[in-house]
Amino acid sequence: MKLTDVTTGRRARPQKVMIYGVEGIGKSTLASQFPNPIFLDVEDRTAHLDIHRFIPKNWNQLQAALQSLYDEDHGYQTVVVDTADWAEMLAAQDVCERCNKSGIEDFGYGKGFQYVRESVQGMLWALHNLQYKHGMHVVVVAHARIRKFDDPQQAVSYDRFTLKCSDGVSAMLREWVDAVLFANYNTLVETGQDKVTRAKAGNRRMLYTNHTAAYDAKNSYGLPDEIPMDYEHLRPYIEASFAGKITYNPAPQSQEELIAKKRYQDIAISLAAPLGGLDYVKSLLKEQNATFKTMSIPECEEFVETVRDRVTAEMNRREGEKNHAE
């Protein structure tokens, strides 16, 4: 760490939001109200919305879509994963196919679920990089399910709403986002003539923003405990402190990326040997204000081609001068 890398105060950056809730309440519709979204419609359930979408058929297509959003220039301001639980299913299918297993349980000892968590974590890193390279908000949509919860503090068990994902993936998603918003209809409590108090669902769609015994929720914005399910009530918190792209370090690179970048670096130095090798590569990187560490893999490949073209042009120029002199 350098002292010049230390920052103070609040930082303006795009937001990561999880929206989960009961079926048919309008989670995708709410996500479509975020700034200029592109949907990764894993569930293929957004035909009723006038949006830009890509429908991945498998895990590789989902990863390729995220890579394209990272590599290409575009005007999208929000990326929406719809839904997290279906994305996890694609990850599980991919893990089983790669390991020649018929189901995730075939791995034994929870290893299959660990492999799936690692795949989903890779998706989160890709979303993280979109957030910081292109300044995109991230919205993750998910279904809800009711599970029995054993409260160790109160020594009681009760039902509560939680994400419809495996335990490991659910915990990872909740930690990763800035806000977990639970979408449900408001609850009306009435006391009948028999003096019995009963709860029934109302017809107002609400977002619940803070954790209770009944559901998972959180937010870092200071939202009220419940707000109407409409983007206008979120807009001041999502957009007020952020406008445009930001400059920030990308997510940690995988070992495979580091190895690939080292290979491209060695190729560039080898190609540049007639012009000084490493020193020539350093001067060209300085000219482009770039480093192999900060460049993407496609950018590294393009840089190698630039070195090849410049070395070829320079050697042809020298050969031409030599022939002319003779």
Protein backbone atom coordinates (compact mmCIF):
# COMPACT_ATOMS: atom_id res chain seq x y z
CA MET A 1 0.00 0.00 0.00
CA LYS A 2 1.11 3.55 -0.79
CA LEU A 3 -0.16 6.47 1.26
CA THR A 4 -1.33 8.05 -2.00
CA ASP A 5 -3.76 5.12 -2.34
CA VAL A 6 -5.54 6.00 0.91
CA THR A 7 -8.92 7.69 0.45
CA THR A 8 -11.13 9.51 2.93
CA GLY A 9 -14.82 10.28 3.17
CA ARG A 10 -17.66 8.76 1.21
CA ARG A 11 -17.05 7.35 -2.27
CA ALA A 12 -19.46 7.79 -5.13
CA ARG A 13 -19.92 4.53 -6.99
CA PRO A 14 -22.62 2.50 -8.74
CA GLN A 15 -24.78 0.30 -6.54
CA LYS A 16 -25.32 -3.45 -6.15
CA VAL A 17 -28.92 -4.30 -5.27
CA MET A 18 -30.67 -7.61 -4.63
CA ILE A 19 -34.44 -7.74 -5.19
CA TYR A 20 -36.13 -10.95 -4.09
CA GLY A 21 -39.70 -11.78 -3.24
CA VAL A 22 -42.84 -13.78 -3.85
CA GLU A 23 -43.89 -14.92 -7.31
CA GLY A 24 -45.54 -12.47 -9.68
CA ILE A 25 -45.10 -9.37 -7.55
CA GLY A 26 -43.14 -7.45 -10.22
CA LYS A 27 -39.47 -7.90 -9.35
CA SER A 28 -38.35 -7.78 -13.00
CA THR A 29 -40.58 -4.77 -13.66
CA LEU A 30 -38.91 -2.90 -10.80
CA ALA A 31 -35.46 -3.85 -12.10
CA SER A 32 -36.43 -2.54 -15.56
CA GLN A 33 -36.94 0.93 -14.02
CA PHE A 34 -33.25 1.24 -13.10
CA PRO A 35 -31.15 3.45 -15.42
CA ASN A 36 -30.84 2.06 -18.98
CA PRO A 37 -30.71 -1.65 -18.10
CA ILE A 38 -29.53 -4.70 -20.01
CA PHE A 39 -31.13 -7.93 -18.77
CA LEU A 40 -29.33 -11.26 -18.62
CA ASP A 41 -32.66 -13.07 -18.70
CA VAL A 42 -31.59 -16.48 -17.43
CA GLU A 43 -35.18 -17.46 -16.71
CA ASP A 44 -36.57 -16.22 -20.07
CA ARG A 45 -39.49 -14.51 -18.31
CA THR A 46 -39.28 -10.87 -19.44
CA ALA A 47 -41.25 -11.05 -22.70
CA HIS A 48 -43.85 -8.68 -21.18
CA LEU A 49 -41.24 -5.95 -20.70
CA ASP A 50 -39.95 -3.49 -23.31
CA ILE A 51 -36.27 -3.97 -22.47
CA HIS A 52 -32.91 -4.95 -23.94
CA ARG A 53 -32.17 -8.56 -23.03
CA PHE A 54 -29.93 -11.52 -23.71
CA ILE A 55 -31.19 -15.03 -22.89
CA PRO A 56 -28.28 -17.35 -22.05
CA LYS A 57 -28.99 -21.04 -22.62
CA ASN A 58 -26.12 -22.30 -20.47
CA TRP A 59 -23.42 -21.15 -18.06
CA ASN A 60 -20.84 -20.56 -20.80
CA GLN A 61 -23.22 -18.23 -22.65
CA LEU A 62 -23.86 -16.30 -19.44
CA GLN A 63 -20.12 -15.89 -18.85
CA ALA A 64 -19.58 -14.88 -22.47
CA ALA A 65 -22.30 -12.23 -22.19
CA LEU A 66 -20.62 -10.73 -19.12
CA GLN A 67 -17.27 -10.73 -20.92
CA SER A 68 -18.79 -8.96 -23.94
CA LEU A 69 -20.29 -6.29 -21.69
CA TYR A 70 -16.85 -5.81 -20.18
CA ASP A 71 -14.92 -5.72 -23.46
CA GLU A 72 -17.24 -3.61 -25.60
CA ASP A 73 -18.25 0.04 -25.41
CA HIS A 74 -21.98 0.44 -24.81
CA GLY A 75 -24.43 2.84 -23.22
CA TYR A 76 -25.98 0.47 -20.67
CA GLN A 77 -25.98 1.80 -17.11
CA THR A 78 -27.42 -1.20 -15.28
CA VAL A 79 -26.90 -4.95 -15.67
CA VAL A 80 -29.70 -7.17 -14.35
CA VAL A 81 -29.27 -10.87 -13.57
CA ASP A 82 -32.78 -12.37 -13.66
CA THR A 83 -32.75 -14.60 -11.66
CA ALA A 84 -29.95 -15.63 -9.27
CA ASP A 85 -31.49 -19.02 -8.49
CA TRP A 86 -31.75 -19.91 -12.19
CA ALA A 87 -28.17 -18.72 -12.74
CA GLU A 88 -27.10 -21.06 -9.94
CA MET A 89 -28.89 -23.91 -11.72
CA LEU A 90 -26.90 -23.18 -14.90
CA ALA A 91 -23.70 -23.19 -12.83
CA ALA A 92 -24.65 -26.56 -11.31
CA GLN A 93 -25.39 -28.02 -14.76
CA ASP A 94 -22.01 -26.80 -16.01
CA VAL A 95 -20.16 -28.28 -13.01
CA CYS A 96 -21.88 -31.66 -13.49
CA GLU A 97 -21.16 -31.72 -17.24
CA ARG A 98 -17.49 -30.83 -16.75
CA CYS A 99 -17.05 -33.47 -14.05
CA ASN A 100 -19.21 -36.12 -15.77
CA LYS A 101 -21.72 -36.30 -12.91
CA SER A 102 -25.45 -36.87 -13.23
CA GLY A 103 -26.29 -34.55 -10.33
CA ILE A 104 -24.69 -32.19 -7.85
CA GLU A 105 -25.23 -34.65 -4.99
CA ASP A 106 -23.03 -37.23 -6.77
CA PHE A 107 -19.87 -35.39 -5.67
CA GLY A 108 -20.36 -36.24 -1.99
CA TYR A 109 -19.29 -34.31 1.11
CA GLY A 110 -20.68 -31.04 -0.27
CA LYS A 111 -17.92 -30.75 -2.89
CA GLY A 112 -20.38 -30.20 -5.72
CA PHE A 113 -21.97 -27.25 -3.94
CA GLN A 114 -18.50 -25.82 -3.30
CA TYR A 115 -17.71 -25.97 -7.02
CA VAL A 116 -21.01 -24.20 -7.76
CA ARG A 117 -20.22 -21.48 -5.20
CA GLU A 118 -16.87 -20.92 -6.88
CA SER A 119 -18.57 -20.58 -10.28
CA VAL A 120 -21.11 -18.08 -8.92
CA GLN A 121 -18.30 -16.18 -7.23
CA GLY A 122 -16.67 -15.86 -10.66
CA MET A 123 -19.92 -14.34 -11.94
CA LEU A 124 -19.85 -11.83 -9.08
CA TRP A 125 -16.28 -10.83 -9.94
CA ALA A 126 -17.38 -10.27 -13.55
CA LEU A 127 -20.26 -8.09 -12.33
CA HIS A 128 -17.85 -6.26 -10.03
CA ASN A 129 -15.62 -5.46 -13.00
CA LEU A 130 -18.59 -4.11 -14.97
CA GLN A 131 -19.40 -1.89 -12.04
CA TYR A 132 -15.94 -0.34 -11.98
CA LYS A 133 -14.99 -0.32 -15.66
CA HIS A 134 -18.28 0.89 -17.13
CA GLY A 135 -19.91 2.45 -14.06
CA MET A 136 -22.85 0.06 -14.18
CA HIS A 137 -25.31 -0.54 -11.39
CA VAL A 138 -25.88 -4.24 -10.70
CA VAL A 139 -29.34 -5.62 -9.91
CA VAL A 140 -29.73 -9.28 -8.97
CA VAL A 141 -33.30 -10.59 -9.00
CA ALA A 142 -34.21 -13.75 -7.09
CA HIS A 143 -37.20 -15.77 -5.98
CA ALA A 144 -38.08 -16.22 -2.32
CA ARG A 145 -38.88 -19.37 -0.40
CA ILE A 146 -40.08 -20.07 3.13
CA ARG A 147 -37.70 -22.05 5.32
CA LYS A 148 -37.77 -23.15 8.92
CA PHE A 149 -35.16 -21.26 10.92
CA ASP A 150 -33.69 -22.50 14.20
CA ASP A 151 -32.89 -19.37 16.20
CA PRO A 152 -29.89 -20.19 18.41
CA GLN A 153 -30.33 -17.04 20.49
CA GLN A 154 -33.99 -17.56 21.37
CA ALA A 155 -33.87 -21.38 21.22
CA VAL A 156 -37.01 -21.44 19.05
CA SER A 157 -37.86 -22.39 15.47
CA TYR A 158 -40.01 -20.39 13.06
CA ASP A 159 -40.68 -19.92 9.35
CA ARG A 160 -39.07 -17.04 7.48
CA PHE A 161 -38.58 -15.84 3.89
CA THR A 162 -35.12 -16.22 2.39
CA LEU A 163 -33.47 -16.45 -1.04
CA LYS A 164 -34.31 -19.45 -3.17
CA CYS A 165 -30.65 -20.39 -3.59
CA SER A 166 -28.39 -22.88 -1.85
CA ASP A 167 -27.20 -21.78 1.58
CA GLY A 168 -23.66 -20.98 0.46
CA VAL A 169 -24.71 -18.97 -2.59
CA SER A 170 -27.42 -17.14 -0.61
CA ALA A 171 -24.93 -16.07 2.06
CA MET A 172 -22.41 -14.93 -0.57
CA LEU A 173 -25.01 -12.87 -2.45
CA ARG A 174 -26.34 -11.20 0.70
CA GLU A 175 -22.83 -10.20 1.75
CA TRP A 176 -21.87 -8.93 -1.71
CA VAL A 177 -24.69 -6.49 -2.42
CA ASP A 178 -25.28 -3.05 -0.88
CA ALA A 179 -28.97 -3.71 -0.37
CA VAL A 180 -31.19 -6.78 -0.02
CA LEU A 181 -34.78 -5.71 -0.67
CA PHE A 182 -37.62 -8.12 0.08
CA ALA A 183 -40.71 -7.63 -2.12
CA ASN A 184 -44.07 -8.70 -0.72
CA TYR A 185 -47.65 -7.54 -0.36
CA ASN A 186 -48.45 -5.56 2.77
CA THR A 187 -49.97 -7.48 5.65
CA LEU A 188 -53.28 -6.41 7.17
CA VAL A 189 -54.04 -7.43 10.74
CA GLU A 190 -57.72 -7.63 11.69
CA THR A 191 -59.58 -8.72 14.80
CA GLY A 192 -62.86 -10.50 14.11
CA GLN A 193 -66.03 -10.65 16.11
CA ASP A 194 -64.71 -13.79 17.77
CA LYS A 195 -61.87 -11.67 19.21
CA VAL A 196 -59.31 -13.64 17.17
CA THR A 197 -56.59 -11.60 15.47
CA ARG A 198 -55.86 -12.68 11.91
CA ALA A 199 -53.35 -11.53 9.31
CA LYS A 200 -54.15 -11.40 5.63
CA ALA A 201 -52.32 -10.14 2.56
CA GLY A 202 -53.16 -6.67 1.36
CA ASN A 203 -52.98 -5.45 -2.23
CA ARG A 204 -50.12 -2.93 -1.86
CA ARG A 205 -46.75 -4.06 -3.15
CA MET A 206 -44.01 -3.09 -0.71
CA LEU A 207 -40.23 -3.33 -0.36
CA TYR A 208 -38.98 -4.32 3.07
CA THR A 209 -35.48 -3.02 3.66
CA ASN A 210 -34.22 -4.11 7.08
CA HIS A 211 -33.73 -7.52 8.65
CA THR A 212 -36.48 -9.01 10.79
CA ALA A 213 -37.30 -12.48 12.04
CA ALA A 214 -39.70 -12.86 9.09
CA TYR A 215 -37.27 -12.19 6.21
CA ASP A 216 -33.71 -11.37 5.15
CA ALA A 217 -33.16 -7.73 4.21
CA LYS A 218 -30.56 -4.99 4.60
CA ASN A 219 -29.54 -1.65 3.13
CA SER A 220 -26.70 0.83 3.52
CA TYR A 221 -28.80 3.86 2.49
CA GLY A 222 -30.78 4.54 5.65
CA LEU A 223 -34.07 3.54 4.02
CA PRO A 224 -37.29 3.31 6.07
CA ASP A 225 -38.22 -0.23 7.08
CA GLU A 226 -40.75 -0.40 4.25
CA ILE A 227 -41.36 1.65 1.11
CA PRO A 228 -43.75 1.31 -1.86
CA MET A 229 -42.39 -0.96 -4.57
CA ASP A 230 -41.58 1.75 -7.07
CA TYR A 231 -38.18 2.91 -8.37
CA GLU A 232 -39.00 6.54 -7.65
CA HIS A 233 -38.65 5.74 -3.94
CA LEU A 234 -35.20 4.25 -4.59
CA ARG A 235 -33.92 6.76 -7.14
CA PRO A 236 -32.52 9.30 -4.61
CA TYR A 237 -30.45 6.58 -2.96
CA ILE A 238 -29.28 4.86 -6.15
CA GLU A 239 -28.50 7.85 -8.35
CA ALA A 240 -27.97 10.88 -6.12
CA SER A 241 -24.32 10.25 -5.25
CA PHE A 242 -23.21 8.76 -8.54
CA ALA A 243 -22.99 10.07 -12.08
CA GLY A 244 -20.91 8.62 -14.88
CA LYS A 245 -17.92 6.30 -14.83
CA ILE A 246 -15.40 6.01 -12.01
CA THR A 247 -11.76 5.01 -11.96
CA TYR A 248 -11.05 2.11 -9.66
CA ASN A 249 -8.97 -1.03 -9.48
CA PRO A 250 -10.63 -4.08 -11.09
CA ALA A 251 -11.36 -7.25 -9.16
CA PRO A 252 -8.48 -9.57 -8.23
CA GLN A 253 -7.31 -11.53 -11.24
CA SER A 254 -7.41 -15.30 -11.38
CA GLN A 255 -4.26 -17.38 -11.67
CA GLU A 256 -5.25 -18.26 -15.23
CA GLU A 257 -5.43 -14.57 -16.18
CA LEU A 258 -2.03 -13.84 -14.64
CA ILE A 259 -0.45 -16.77 -16.49
CA ALA A 260 -2.02 -15.68 -19.79
CA LYS A 261 -0.84 -12.09 -19.35
CA LYS A 262 2.70 -13.26 -18.54
CA ARG A 263 2.65 -15.33 -21.74
CA TYR A 264 1.59 -12.32 -23.83
CA GLN A 265 4.28 -10.22 -22.15
CA ASP A 266 6.97 -12.79 -23.02
CA ILE A 267 5.74 -12.95 -26.63
CA ALA A 268 5.86 -9.15 -26.92
CA ILE A 269 9.41 -9.01 -25.55
CA SER A 270 10.53 -11.78 -27.91
CA LEU A 271 9.00 -10.02 -30.93
CA ALA A 272 10.67 -6.77 -29.90
CA ALA A 273 14.14 -8.34 -29.57
CA PRO A 274 15.51 -6.66 -32.74
CA LEU A 275 14.53 -3.24 -31.31
CA GLY A 276 15.65 -3.68 -27.73
CA GLY A 277 13.31 -6.29 -26.31
CA LEU A 278 12.07 -5.38 -22.83
CA ASP A 279 13.10 -1.72 -23.09
CA TYR A 280 11.13 -1.31 -26.33
CA VAL A 281 8.05 -2.97 -24.81
CA LYS A 282 8.28 -0.70 -21.75
CA SER A 283 8.50 2.41 -23.93
CA LEU A 284 5.49 1.31 -25.99
CA LEU A 285 3.45 0.58 -22.85
CA LYS A 286 4.37 4.02 -21.49
CA GLU A 287 3.33 5.57 -24.79
CA GLN A 288 -0.10 3.89 -24.47
CA ASN A 289 -0.30 4.60 -20.72
CA ALA A 290 -0.92 0.90 -20.06
CA THR A 291 0.50 -2.13 -18.26
CA PHE A 292 -0.08 -5.85 -18.73
CA LYS A 293 -1.55 -5.93 -15.22
CA THR A 294 -4.27 -3.40 -16.00
CA MET A 295 -5.04 -4.55 -19.56
CA SER A 296 -7.70 -7.16 -20.25
CA ILE A 297 -6.74 -10.37 -22.06
CA PRO A 298 -8.09 -9.08 -25.43
CA GLU A 299 -6.14 -5.83 -24.88
CA CYS A 300 -2.96 -7.85 -24.20
CA GLU A 301 -3.52 -9.77 -27.43
CA GLU A 302 -4.05 -6.51 -29.34
CA PHE A 303 -0.87 -5.06 -27.81
CA VAL A 304 1.15 -8.07 -29.00
CA GLU A 305 -0.16 -7.50 -32.53
CA THR A 306 0.81 -3.82 -32.27
CA VAL A 307 4.36 -4.82 -31.29
CA ARG A 308 4.47 -7.29 -34.19
CA ASP A 309 3.30 -4.65 -36.70
CA ARG A 310 5.69 -1.96 -35.44
CA VAL A 311 8.71 -4.27 -35.38
CA THR A 312 7.90 -5.51 -38.91
CA ALA A 313 7.49 -1.96 -40.18
CA GLU A 314 10.75 -0.83 -38.57
CA MET A 315 12.71 -3.80 -39.89
CA ASN A 316 11.30 -3.24 -43.40
CA ARG A 317 12.27 0.42 -43.15
CA ARG A 318 15.83 -0.47 -42.15
CA GLU A 319 16.08 -3.05 -44.90
CA GLY A 320 14.88 -0.48 -47.41
CA GLU A 321 17.47 2.05 -46.27
CA LYS A 322 20.18 -0.60 -46.48
CA ASN A 323 19.22 -1.56 -50.04
CA HIS A 324 19.06 2.10 -51.06
CA ALA A 325 22.52 2.75 -49.65
CA GLU A 326 23.95 -0.16 -51.58
